[in-house]
Amino acid sequence: MTKQTITAKGQVTLRKHLLKHLGVGPGEKIEMIELPDGRIEVRAARPAGSIDGFLGSLKGRSRKAATLEEIKEAAASGWAGRR
């Protein structure tokens, strides 16, 4: 456990090893979620449009499973601007 001192402005600075643990660096963002009992969860904020945000978004929209070739073609068409 790491203890931090709160500044007169109500701020804390996260130690380098904590930022490394989160996998974030200068210019990147973190998010904090207020939990019960006065706890806060801190985690790396993933940008909108990241693969993490996309995974699972299409789940259950089709009963047919796409083949690997169909997935490759759809990806190639999307990157090329074709739909």
PDB file of N, CA and C in Angstrom:
ATOM      1  N   MET A   1       0.856  -1.175   0.000  1.00  0.00           N
ATOM      2  CA  MET A   1       0.000   0.000   0.000  1.00  0.00           C
ATOM      3  C   MET A   1       0.896   1.231   0.000  1.00  0.00           C
ATOM      4  N   THR A   2       0.483   2.232  -0.743  1.00  0.00           N
ATOM      5  CA  THR A   2       1.216   3.486  -0.823  1.00  0.00           C
ATOM      6  C   THR A   2       0.371   4.583  -0.193  1.00  0.00           C
ATOM      7  N   LYS A   3       0.999   5.355   0.690  1.00  0.00           N
ATOM      8  CA  LYS A   3       0.303   6.498   1.294  1.00  0.00           C
ATOM      9  C   LYS A   3       0.789   7.765   0.616  1.00  0.00           C
ATOM     10  N   GLN A   4      -0.130   8.685   0.359  1.00  0.00           N
ATOM     11  CA  GLN A   4       0.175   9.960  -0.287  1.00  0.00           C
ATOM     12  C   GLN A   4      -0.296  11.097   0.601  1.00  0.00           C
ATOM     13  N   THR A   5       0.335  12.243   0.469  1.00  0.00           N
ATOM     14  CA  THR A   5      -0.067  13.436   1.203  1.00  0.00           C
ATOM     15  C   THR A   5      -0.902  14.313   0.291  1.00  0.00           C
ATOM     16  N   ILE A   6      -1.975  14.839   0.822  1.00  0.00           N
ATOM     17  CA  ILE A   6      -2.852  15.728   0.054  1.00  0.00           C
ATOM     18  C   ILE A   6      -2.306  17.144   0.167  1.00  0.00           C
ATOM     19  N   THR A   7      -2.203  17.840  -0.983  1.00  0.00           N
ATOM     20  CA  THR A   7      -1.687  19.207  -0.984  1.00  0.00           C
ATOM     21  C   THR A   7      -2.753  20.175  -0.481  1.00  0.00           C
ATOM     22  N   ALA A   8      -2.365  21.428  -0.280  1.00  0.00           N
ATOM     23  CA  ALA A   8      -3.298  22.470   0.154  1.00  0.00           C
ATOM     24  C   ALA A   8      -4.408  22.681  -0.881  1.00  0.00           C
ATOM     25  N   LYS A   9      -4.136  22.342  -2.147  1.00  0.00           N
ATOM     26  CA  LYS A   9      -5.134  22.471  -3.211  1.00  0.00           C
ATOM     27  C   LYS A   9      -6.021  21.230  -3.308  1.00  0.00           C
ATOM     28  N   GLY A  10      -5.814  20.253  -2.448  1.00  0.00           N
ATOM     29  CA  GLY A  10      -6.615  19.038  -2.472  1.00  0.00           C
ATOM     30  C   GLY A  10      -6.179  18.050  -3.538  1.00  0.00           C
ATOM     31  N   GLN A  11      -4.915  18.097  -3.931  1.00  0.00           N
ATOM     32  CA  GLN A  11      -4.408  17.237  -4.986  1.00  0.00           C
ATOM     33  C   GLN A  11      -3.459  16.185  -4.428  1.00  0.00           C
ATOM     34  N   VAL A  12      -3.333  15.088  -5.157  1.00  0.00           N
ATOM     35  CA  VAL A  12      -2.332  14.078  -4.847  1.00  0.00           C
ATOM     36  C   VAL A  12      -1.569  13.769  -6.133  1.00  0.00           C
ATOM     37  N   THR A  13      -0.333  13.364  -6.006  1.00  0.00           N
ATOM     38  CA  THR A  13       0.481  12.963  -7.142  1.00  0.00           C
ATOM     39  C   THR A  13       0.699  11.467  -7.045  1.00  0.00           C
ATOM     40  N   LEU A  14       0.355  10.752  -8.120  1.00  0.00           N
ATOM     41  CA  LEU A  14       0.560   9.310  -8.114  1.00  0.00           C
ATOM     42  C   LEU A  14       2.031   9.001  -8.384  1.00  0.00           C
ATOM     43  N   ARG A  15       2.573   8.103  -7.620  1.00  0.00           N
ATOM     44  CA  ARG A  15       3.971   7.706  -7.760  1.00  0.00           C
ATOM     45  C   ARG A  15       4.200   7.003  -9.101  1.00  0.00           C
ATOM     46  N   LYS A  16       5.427   7.099  -9.577  1.00  0.00           N
ATOM     47  CA  LYS A  16       5.785   6.533 -10.868  1.00  0.00           C
ATOM     48  C   LYS A  16       5.463   5.042 -10.963  1.00  0.00           C
ATOM     49  N   HIS A  17       5.704   4.291  -9.898  1.00  0.00           N
ATOM     50  CA  HIS A  17       5.445   2.848  -9.957  1.00  0.00           C
ATOM     51  C   HIS A  17       3.954   2.546 -10.069  1.00  0.00           C
ATOM     52  N   LEU A  18       3.098   3.430  -9.527  1.00  0.00           N
ATOM     53  CA  LEU A  18       1.658   3.243  -9.668  1.00  0.00           C
ATOM     54  C   LEU A  18       1.207   3.523 -11.098  1.00  0.00           C
ATOM     55  N   LEU A  19       1.768   4.566 -11.713  1.00  0.00           N
ATOM     56  CA  LEU A  19       1.437   4.872 -13.102  1.00  0.00           C
ATOM     57  C   LEU A  19       1.902   3.755 -14.031  1.00  0.00           C
ATOM     58  N   LYS A  20       3.072   3.212 -13.730  1.00  0.00           N
ATOM     59  CA  LYS A  20       3.586   2.090 -14.518  1.00  0.00           C
ATOM     60  C   LYS A  20       2.659   0.880 -14.378  1.00  0.00           C
ATOM     61  N   HIS A  21       2.182   0.643 -13.174  1.00  0.00           N
ATOM     62  CA  HIS A  21       1.252  -0.457 -12.930  1.00  0.00           C
ATOM     63  C   HIS A  21      -0.034  -0.279 -13.741  1.00  0.00           C
ATOM     64  N   LEU A  22      -0.504   0.968 -13.877  1.00  0.00           N
ATOM     65  CA  LEU A  22      -1.698   1.261 -14.658  1.00  0.00           C
ATOM     66  C   LEU A  22      -1.425   1.210 -16.161  1.00  0.00           C
ATOM     67  N   GLY A  23      -0.157   1.295 -16.539  1.00  0.00           N
ATOM     68  CA  GLY A  23       0.197   1.288 -17.954  1.00  0.00           C
ATOM     69  C   GLY A  23      -0.039   2.618 -18.636  1.00  0.00           C
ATOM     70  N   VAL A  24       0.097   3.715 -17.889  1.00  0.00           N
ATOM     71  CA  VAL A  24      -0.112   5.045 -18.452  1.00  0.00           C
ATOM     72  C   VAL A  24       1.153   5.879 -18.317  1.00  0.00           C
ATOM     73  N   GLY A  25       1.255   6.872 -19.175  1.00  0.00           N
ATOM     74  CA  GLY A  25       2.400   7.764 -19.154  1.00  0.00           C
ATOM     75  C   GLY A  25       1.953   9.198 -19.347  1.00  0.00           C
ATOM     76  N   PRO A  26       2.910  10.103 -19.554  1.00  0.00           N
ATOM     77  CA  PRO A  26       2.596  11.523 -19.727  1.00  0.00           C
ATOM     78  C   PRO A  26       1.597  11.747 -20.864  1.00  0.00           C
ATOM     79  N   GLY A  27       0.596  12.571 -20.595  1.00  0.00           N
ATOM     80  CA  GLY A  27      -0.410  12.906 -21.592  1.00  0.00           C
ATOM     81  C   GLY A  27      -1.585  11.941 -21.660  1.00  0.00           C
ATOM     82  N   GLU A  28      -1.461  10.780 -21.033  1.00  0.00           N
ATOM     83  CA  GLU A  28      -2.565   9.826 -21.037  1.00  0.00           C
ATOM     84  C   GLU A  28      -3.493  10.112 -19.871  1.00  0.00           C
ATOM     85  N   LYS A  29      -4.662   9.524 -19.918  1.00  0.00           N
ATOM     86  CA  LYS A  29      -5.679   9.816 -18.902  1.00  0.00           C
ATOM     87  C   LYS A  29      -5.958   8.592 -18.033  1.00  0.00           C
ATOM     88  N   ILE A  30      -6.399   8.886 -16.814  1.00  0.00           N
ATOM     89  CA  ILE A  30      -6.875   7.851 -15.906  1.00  0.00           C
ATOM     90  C   ILE A  30      -8.302   8.205 -15.529  1.00  0.00           C
ATOM     91  N   GLU A  31      -9.040   7.225 -15.065  1.00  0.00           N
ATOM     92  CA  GLU A  31     -10.396   7.501 -14.601  1.00  0.00           C
ATOM     93  C   GLU A  31     -10.554   6.964 -13.193  1.00  0.00           C
ATOM     94  N   MET A  32     -11.382   7.638 -12.411  1.00  0.00           N
ATOM     95  CA  MET A  32     -11.642   7.248 -11.044  1.00  0.00           C
ATOM     96  C   MET A  32     -13.123   7.001 -10.865  1.00  0.00           C
ATOM     97  N   ILE A  33     -13.446   5.913 -10.222  1.00  0.00           N
ATOM     98  CA  ILE A  33     -14.830   5.536  -9.990  1.00  0.00           C
ATOM     99  C   ILE A  33     -15.067   5.503  -8.488  1.00  0.00           C
ATOM    100  N   GLU A  34     -16.080   6.211  -8.047  1.00  0.00           N
ATOM    101  CA  GLU A  34     -16.409   6.237  -6.627  1.00  0.00           C
ATOM    102  C   GLU A  34     -17.127   4.941  -6.251  1.00  0.00           C
ATOM    103  N   LEU A  35     -16.594   4.250  -5.268  1.00  0.00           N
ATOM    104  CA  LEU A  35     -17.159   2.991  -4.794  1.00  0.00           C
ATOM    105  C   LEU A  35     -17.740   3.182  -3.401  1.00  0.00           C
ATOM    106  N   PRO A  36     -18.515   2.219  -2.928  1.00  0.00           N
ATOM    107  CA  PRO A  36     -19.074   2.321  -1.573  1.00  0.00           C
ATOM    108  C   PRO A  36     -17.971   2.392  -0.506  1.00  0.00           C
ATOM    109  N   ASP A  37     -18.329   2.798   0.656  1.00  0.00           N
ATOM    110  CA  ASP A  37     -17.421   2.843   1.810  1.00  0.00           C
ATOM    111  C   ASP A  37     -16.262   3.814   1.635  1.00  0.00           C
ATOM    112  N   GLY A  38     -16.435   4.858   0.809  1.00  0.00           N
ATOM    113  CA  GLY A  38     -15.403   5.873   0.662  1.00  0.00           C
ATOM    114  C   GLY A  38     -14.208   5.437  -0.163  1.00  0.00           C
ATOM    115  N   ARG A  39     -14.318   4.353  -0.908  1.00  0.00           N
ATOM    116  CA  ARG A  39     -13.214   3.884  -1.736  1.00  0.00           C
ATOM    117  C   ARG A  39     -13.315   4.466  -3.138  1.00  0.00           C
ATOM    118  N   ILE A  40     -12.172   4.521  -3.828  1.00  0.00           N
ATOM    119  CA  ILE A  40     -12.112   4.990  -5.213  1.00  0.00           C
ATOM    120  C   ILE A  40     -11.305   3.973  -6.010  1.00  0.00           C
ATOM    121  N   GLU A  41     -11.809   3.603  -7.179  1.00  0.00           N
ATOM    122  CA  GLU A  41     -11.069   2.728  -8.088  1.00  0.00           C
ATOM    123  C   GLU A  41     -10.408   3.606  -9.140  1.00  0.00           C
ATOM    124  N   VAL A  42      -9.117   3.422  -9.335  1.00  0.00           N
ATOM    125  CA  VAL A  42      -8.363   4.186 -10.334  1.00  0.00           C
ATOM    126  C   VAL A  42      -7.925   3.216 -11.418  1.00  0.00           C
ATOM    127  N   ARG A  43      -8.170   3.585 -12.684  1.00  0.00           N
ATOM    128  CA  ARG A  43      -7.727   2.737 -13.791  1.00  0.00           C
ATOM    129  C   ARG A  43      -7.411   3.594 -15.003  1.00  0.00           C
ATOM    130  N   ALA A  44      -6.683   3.003 -15.931  1.00  0.00           N
ATOM    131  CA  ALA A  44      -6.343   3.704 -17.158  1.00  0.00           C
ATOM    132  C   ALA A  44      -7.614   3.937 -17.960  1.00  0.00           C
ATOM    133  N   ALA A  45      -7.779   5.146 -18.467  1.00  0.00           N
ATOM    134  CA  ALA A  45      -8.936   5.464 -19.312  1.00  0.00           C
ATOM    135  C   ALA A  45      -8.588   5.048 -20.730  1.00  0.00           C
ATOM    136  N   ARG A  46      -9.434   4.262 -21.322  1.00  0.00           N
ATOM    137  CA  ARG A  46      -9.225   3.836 -22.701  1.00  0.00           C
ATOM    138  C   ARG A  46      -9.960   4.795 -23.613  1.00  0.00           C
ATOM    139  N   PRO A  47      -9.289   5.273 -24.663  1.00  0.00           N
ATOM    140  CA  PRO A  47      -9.936   6.241 -25.550  1.00  0.00           C
ATOM    141  C   PRO A  47     -11.152   5.657 -26.252  1.00  0.00           C
ATOM    142  N   ALA A  48     -12.126   6.501 -26.526  1.00  0.00           N
ATOM    143  CA  ALA A  48     -13.305   6.067 -27.277  1.00  0.00           C
ATOM    144  C   ALA A  48     -12.844   5.560 -28.627  1.00  0.00           C
ATOM    145  N   GLY A  49     -13.447   4.493 -29.072  1.00  0.00           N
ATOM    146  CA  GLY A  49     -13.057   3.940 -30.357  1.00  0.00           C
ATOM    147  C   GLY A  49     -11.938   2.927 -30.252  1.00  0.00           C
ATOM    148  N   SER A  50     -11.499   2.616 -29.045  1.00  0.00           N
ATOM    149  CA  SER A  50     -10.448   1.621 -28.895  1.00  0.00           C
ATOM    150  C   SER A  50     -11.029   0.228 -29.091  1.00  0.00           C
ATOM    151  N   ILE A  51     -10.178  -0.733 -29.323  1.00  0.00           N
ATOM    152  CA  ILE A  51     -10.628  -2.099 -29.520  1.00  0.00           C
ATOM    153  C   ILE A  51     -11.313  -2.619 -28.251  1.00  0.00           C
ATOM    154  N   ASP A  52     -10.858  -2.156 -27.083  1.00  0.00           N
ATOM    155  CA  ASP A  52     -11.487  -2.574 -25.825  1.00  0.00           C
ATOM    156  C   ASP A  52     -12.960  -2.176 -25.784  1.00  0.00           C
ATOM    157  N   GLY A  53     -13.266  -0.979 -26.304  1.00  0.00           N
ATOM    158  CA  GLY A  53     -14.641  -0.524 -26.315  1.00  0.00           C
ATOM    159  C   GLY A  53     -15.494  -1.236 -27.354  1.00  0.00           C
ATOM    160  N   PHE A  54     -14.836  -1.729 -28.404  1.00  0.00           N
ATOM    161  CA  PHE A  54     -15.562  -2.395 -29.483  1.00  0.00           C
ATOM    162  C   PHE A  54     -15.880  -3.853 -29.189  1.00  0.00           C
ATOM    163  N   LEU A  55     -14.971  -4.521 -28.494  1.00  0.00           N
ATOM    164  CA  LEU A  55     -15.160  -5.941 -28.247  1.00  0.00           C
ATOM    165  C   LEU A  55     -16.504  -6.214 -27.588  1.00  0.00           C
ATOM    166  N   GLY A  56     -17.232  -7.118 -28.144  1.00  0.00           N
ATOM    167  CA  GLY A  56     -18.515  -7.499 -27.576  1.00  0.00           C
ATOM    168  C   GLY A  56     -19.687  -6.635 -27.993  1.00  0.00           C
ATOM    169  N   SER A  57     -19.450  -5.549 -28.720  1.00  0.00           N
ATOM    170  CA  SER A  57     -20.556  -4.656 -29.066  1.00  0.00           C
ATOM    171  C   SER A  57     -21.520  -5.271 -30.083  1.00  0.00           C
ATOM    172  N   LEU A  58     -21.058  -6.252 -30.850  1.00  0.00           N
ATOM    173  CA  LEU A  58     -21.919  -6.890 -31.845  1.00  0.00           C
ATOM    174  C   LEU A  58     -22.475  -8.225 -31.369  1.00  0.00           C
ATOM    175  N   LYS A  59     -22.145  -8.612 -30.177  1.00  0.00           N
ATOM    176  CA  LYS A  59     -22.570  -9.909 -29.656  1.00  0.00           C
ATOM    177  C   LYS A  59     -24.093 -10.022 -29.664  1.00  0.00           C
ATOM    178  N   GLY A  60     -24.578 -11.148 -30.210  1.00  0.00           N
ATOM    179  CA  GLY A  60     -26.001 -11.418 -30.219  1.00  0.00           C
ATOM    180  C   GLY A  60     -26.780 -10.760 -31.342  1.00  0.00           C
ATOM    181  N   ARG A  61     -26.126 -10.023 -32.232  1.00  0.00           N
ATOM    182  CA  ARG A  61     -26.841  -9.346 -33.316  1.00  0.00           C
ATOM    183  C   ARG A  61     -27.085 -10.255 -34.511  1.00  0.00           C
ATOM    184  N   SER A  62     -26.418 -11.391 -34.562  1.00  0.00           N
ATOM    185  CA  SER A  62     -26.600 -12.319 -35.667  1.00  0.00           C
ATOM    186  C   SER A  62     -26.460 -13.743 -35.148  1.00  0.00           C
ATOM    187  N   ARG A  63     -27.232 -14.635 -35.734  1.00  0.00           N
ATOM    188  CA  ARG A  63     -27.131 -16.041 -35.339  1.00  0.00           C
ATOM    189  C   ARG A  63     -26.035 -16.741 -36.128  1.00  0.00           C
ATOM    190  N   LYS A  64     -25.633 -16.165 -37.262  1.00  0.00           N
ATOM    191  CA  LYS A  64     -24.636 -16.773 -38.132  1.00  0.00           C
ATOM    192  C   LYS A  64     -23.238 -16.346 -37.696  1.00  0.00           C
ATOM    193  N   ALA A  65     -22.354 -17.308 -37.578  1.00  0.00           N
ATOM    194  CA  ALA A  65     -20.959 -17.000 -37.263  1.00  0.00           C
ATOM    195  C   ALA A  65     -20.208 -16.745 -38.561  1.00  0.00           C
ATOM    196  N   ALA A  66     -19.442 -15.681 -38.602  1.00  0.00           N
ATOM    197  CA  ALA A  66     -18.670 -15.354 -39.798  1.00  0.00           C
ATOM    198  C   ALA A  66     -17.421 -16.219 -39.868  1.00  0.00           C
ATOM    199  N   THR A  67     -17.030 -16.538 -41.097  1.00  0.00           N
ATOM    200  CA  THR A  67     -15.780 -17.275 -41.286  1.00  0.00           C
ATOM    201  C   THR A  67     -14.624 -16.294 -41.174  1.00  0.00           C
ATOM    202  N   LEU A  68     -13.426 -16.809 -41.026  1.00  0.00           N
ATOM    203  CA  LEU A  68     -12.245 -15.955 -40.941  1.00  0.00           C
ATOM    204  C   LEU A  68     -12.089 -15.134 -42.218  1.00  0.00           C
ATOM    205  N   GLU A  69     -12.380 -15.741 -43.373  1.00  0.00           N
ATOM    206  CA  GLU A  69     -12.294 -15.015 -44.641  1.00  0.00           C
ATOM    207  C   GLU A  69     -13.309 -13.873 -44.703  1.00  0.00           C
ATOM    208  N   GLU A  70     -14.524 -14.106 -44.211  1.00  0.00           N
ATOM    209  CA  GLU A  70     -15.542 -13.057 -44.196  1.00  0.00           C
ATOM    210  C   GLU A  70     -15.133 -11.912 -43.268  1.00  0.00           C
ATOM    211  N   ILE A  71     -14.522 -12.252 -42.152  1.00  0.00           N
ATOM    212  CA  ILE A  71     -14.046 -11.225 -41.219  1.00  0.00           C
ATOM    213  C   ILE A  71     -12.942 -10.402 -41.859  1.00  0.00           C
ATOM    214  N   LYS A  72     -11.991 -11.073 -42.535  1.00  0.00           N
ATOM    215  CA  LYS A  72     -10.895 -10.366 -43.205  1.00  0.00           C
ATOM    216  C   LYS A  72     -11.426  -9.433 -44.284  1.00  0.00           C
ATOM    217  N   GLU A  73     -12.387  -9.906 -45.087  1.00  0.00           N
ATOM    218  CA  GLU A  73     -12.969  -9.084 -46.151  1.00  0.00           C
ATOM    219  C   GLU A  73     -13.699  -7.871 -45.568  1.00  0.00           C
ATOM    220  N   ALA A  74     -14.457  -8.077 -44.504  1.00  0.00           N
ATOM    221  CA  ALA A  74     -15.173  -6.966 -43.869  1.00  0.00           C
ATOM    222  C   ALA A  74     -14.192  -5.940 -43.320  1.00  0.00           C
ATOM    223  N   ALA A  75     -13.119  -6.405 -42.707  1.00  0.00           N
ATOM    224  CA  ALA A  75     -12.109  -5.492 -42.163  1.00  0.00           C
ATOM    225  C   ALA A  75     -11.427  -4.722 -43.281  1.00  0.00           C
ATOM    226  N   ALA A  76     -11.072  -5.415 -44.366  1.00  0.00           N
ATOM    227  CA  ALA A  76     -10.415  -4.750 -45.494  1.00  0.00           C
ATOM    228  C   ALA A  76     -11.337  -3.716 -46.125  1.00  0.00           C
ATOM    229  N   SER A  77     -12.617  -4.048 -46.271  1.00  0.00           N
ATOM    230  CA  SER A  77     -13.576  -3.103 -46.843  1.00  0.00           C
ATOM    231  C   SER A  77     -13.741  -1.885 -45.949  1.00  0.00           C
ATOM    232  N   GLY A  78     -13.802  -2.115 -44.643  1.00  0.00           N
ATOM    233  CA  GLY A  78     -13.958  -1.008 -43.702  1.00  0.00           C
ATOM    234  C   GLY A  78     -12.769  -0.061 -43.727  1.00  0.00           C
ATOM    235  N   TRP A  79     -11.575  -0.611 -43.759  1.00  0.00           N
ATOM    236  CA  TRP A  79     -10.366   0.218 -43.782  1.00  0.00           C
ATOM    237  C   TRP A  79     -10.245   0.974 -45.094  1.00  0.00           C
ATOM    238  N   ALA A  80     -10.777   0.382 -46.179  1.00  0.00           N
ATOM    239  CA  ALA A  80     -10.702   1.028 -47.482  1.00  0.00           C
ATOM    240  C   ALA A  80     -11.822   2.047 -47.678  1.00  0.00           C
ATOM    241  N   GLY A  81     -12.746   2.134 -46.718  1.00  0.00           N
ATOM    242  CA  GLY A  81     -13.843   3.093 -46.810  1.00  0.00           C
ATOM    243  C   GLY A  81     -15.039   2.550 -47.559  1.00  0.00           C
ATOM    244  N   ARG A  82     -15.012   1.255 -47.919  1.00  0.00           N
ATOM    245  CA  ARG A  82     -16.152   0.620 -48.596  1.00  0.00           C
ATOM    246  C   ARG A  82     -17.046  -0.023 -47.545  1.00  0.00           C
ATOM    247  N   ARG A  83     -18.338  -0.093 -47.834  1.00  0.00           N
ATOM    248  CA  ARG A  83     -19.255  -0.772 -46.916  1.00  0.00           C
ATOM    249  C   ARG A  83     -20.130  -1.716 -47.636  1.00  0.00           C
TER     250      ARG A  83
END
